[in-house]
């Protein structure tokens, strides 16, 4: 995602796939990973983001939030 000039659905999916692989290799439950992906895609709705928003930063914040929620669900 760092090297992408245009942030679109393809870049978001590649980023999520990389994170998913790392989590699954670390023995994180599939359901948690699937829920994380779904939540991130809900938060980062690229079609609804207005021009001028920093999509990269929004994606990073969503991923950080979901990973923190995974570690401390309460």
C-alpha atoms as a PDB file:
ATOM      1  CA  UNK A   1       0.000   0.000   0.000  1.00  0.00           C
ATOM      2  CA  UNK A   2       2.921   2.303   0.661  1.00  0.00           C
ATOM      3  CA  UNK A   3       4.041   2.206  -2.977  1.00  0.00           C
ATOM      4  CA  UNK A   4       0.587   2.606  -4.521  1.00  0.00           C
ATOM      5  CA  UNK A   5      -0.091   5.982  -6.090  1.00  0.00           C
ATOM      6  CA  UNK A   6      -3.855   5.418  -6.250  1.00  0.00           C
ATOM      7  CA  UNK A   7      -5.655   3.796  -3.337  1.00  0.00           C
ATOM      8  CA  UNK A   8      -8.496   1.701  -4.698  1.00  0.00           C
ATOM      9  CA  UNK A   9     -10.332  -1.524  -3.893  1.00  0.00           C
ATOM     10  CA  UNK A  10      -7.517  -3.629  -5.360  1.00  0.00           C
ATOM     11  CA  UNK A  11      -4.874  -2.025  -3.141  1.00  0.00           C
ATOM     12  CA  UNK A  12      -7.105  -2.401  -0.078  1.00  0.00           C
ATOM     13  CA  UNK A  13      -7.695  -6.099  -0.833  1.00  0.00           C
ATOM     14  CA  UNK A  14      -3.972  -6.747  -1.349  1.00  0.00           C
ATOM     15  CA  UNK A  15      -3.214  -5.092   1.982  1.00  0.00           C
ATOM     16  CA  UNK A  16      -5.915  -7.085   3.787  1.00  0.00           C
ATOM     17  CA  UNK A  17      -4.744 -10.329   2.155  1.00  0.00           C
ATOM     18  CA  UNK A  18      -1.202  -9.735   3.392  1.00  0.00           C
ATOM     19  CA  UNK A  19      -2.434  -9.057   6.927  1.00  0.00           C
ATOM     20  CA  UNK A  20      -4.739 -12.089   6.764  1.00  0.00           C
ATOM     21  CA  UNK A  21      -1.897 -14.403   5.742  1.00  0.00           C
ATOM     22  CA  UNK A  22       0.276 -13.154   8.593  1.00  0.00           C
ATOM     23  CA  UNK A  23      -2.491 -13.577  11.168  1.00  0.00           C
ATOM     24  CA  UNK A  24      -3.445 -17.058   9.974  1.00  0.00           C
ATOM     25  CA  UNK A  25       0.204 -18.134   9.991  1.00  0.00           C
ATOM     26  CA  UNK A  26       0.318 -16.935  13.594  1.00  0.00           C
ATOM     27  CA  UNK A  27      -2.595 -19.247  14.445  1.00  0.00           C
ATOM     28  CA  UNK A  28      -5.229 -16.536  14.881  1.00  0.00           C
ATOM     29  CA  UNK A  29      -8.715 -18.012  14.563  1.00  0.00           C
ATOM     30  CA  UNK A  30     -10.160 -17.761  11.060  1.00  0.00           C
ATOM     31  CA  UNK A  31     -13.424 -16.292  12.368  1.00  0.00           C
ATOM     32  CA  UNK A  32     -11.581 -13.407  14.041  1.00  0.00           C
ATOM     33  CA  UNK A  33      -9.626 -12.687  10.872  1.00  0.00           C
ATOM     34  CA  UNK A  34     -12.755 -12.824   8.719  1.00  0.00           C
ATOM     35  CA  UNK A  35     -14.603 -10.496  11.086  1.00  0.00           C
ATOM     36  CA  UNK A  36     -11.652  -8.100  11.067  1.00  0.00           C
ATOM     37  CA  UNK A  37     -11.670  -7.968   7.262  1.00  0.00           C
ATOM     38  CA  UNK A  38     -15.409  -7.353   7.161  1.00  0.00           C
ATOM     39  CA  UNK A  39     -15.220  -4.579   9.744  1.00  0.00           C
ATOM     40  CA  UNK A  40     -12.335  -2.848   7.973  1.00  0.00           C
ATOM     41  CA  UNK A  41     -14.204  -2.911   4.671  1.00  0.00           C
ATOM     42  CA  UNK A  42     -17.255  -1.388   6.402  1.00  0.00           C
ATOM     43  CA  UNK A  43     -15.158   1.369   7.978  1.00  0.00           C
ATOM     44  CA  UNK A  44     -13.192   2.055   4.797  1.00  0.00           C
ATOM     45  CA  UNK A  45     -15.899   2.408   2.202  1.00  0.00           C
ATOM     46  CA  UNK A  46     -13.776   3.827  -0.636  1.00  0.00           C
ATOM     47  CA  UNK A  47     -16.830   4.711  -2.730  1.00  0.00           C
ATOM     48  CA  UNK A  48     -18.269   6.933   0.014  1.00  0.00           C
ATOM     49  CA  UNK A  49     -15.043   8.767   0.872  1.00  0.00           C
ATOM     50  CA  UNK A  50     -15.079  12.282  -0.500  1.00  0.00           C
ATOM     51  CA  UNK A  51     -12.198  13.599  -2.531  1.00  0.00           C
ATOM     52  CA  UNK A  52      -9.512  15.166  -0.403  1.00  0.00           C
ATOM     53  CA  UNK A  53      -9.629  12.557   2.349  1.00  0.00           C
ATOM     54  CA  UNK A  54      -6.374  10.762   3.009  1.00  0.00           C
ATOM     55  CA  UNK A  55      -7.498   7.223   2.147  1.00  0.00           C
ATOM     56  CA  UNK A  56      -4.176   5.704   3.159  1.00  0.00           C
ATOM     57  CA  UNK A  57      -4.441   7.193   6.649  1.00  0.00           C
ATOM     58  CA  UNK A  58      -8.078   6.114   7.027  1.00  0.00           C
ATOM     59  CA  UNK A  59      -7.160   2.541   6.044  1.00  0.00           C
ATOM     60  CA  UNK A  60      -4.241   2.502   8.476  1.00  0.00           C
ATOM     61  CA  UNK A  61      -6.437   3.778  11.318  1.00  0.00           C
ATOM     62  CA  UNK A  62      -9.125   1.186  10.580  1.00  0.00           C
ATOM     63  CA  UNK A  63      -6.587  -1.636  10.533  1.00  0.00           C
ATOM     64  CA  UNK A  64      -4.987  -0.425  13.758  1.00  0.00           C
ATOM     65  CA  UNK A  65      -8.395  -0.139  15.445  1.00  0.00           C
ATOM     66  CA  UNK A  66      -9.458  -3.642  14.388  1.00  0.00           C
ATOM     67  CA  UNK A  67      -6.148  -5.233  15.430  1.00  0.00           C
ATOM     68  CA  UNK A  68      -6.382  -3.533  18.847  1.00  0.00           C
ATOM     69  CA  UNK A  69      -9.975  -4.728  19.179  1.00  0.00           C
ATOM     70  CA  UNK A  70      -8.789  -8.257  18.394  1.00  0.00           C
ATOM     71  CA  UNK A  71      -6.255  -8.092  21.228  1.00  0.00           C
ATOM     72  CA  UNK A  72      -8.622  -6.533  23.754  1.00  0.00           C
ATOM     73  CA  UNK A  73     -12.244  -7.240  22.843  1.00  0.00           C
ATOM     74  CA  UNK A  74     -13.531  -5.907  26.162  1.00  0.00           C
END
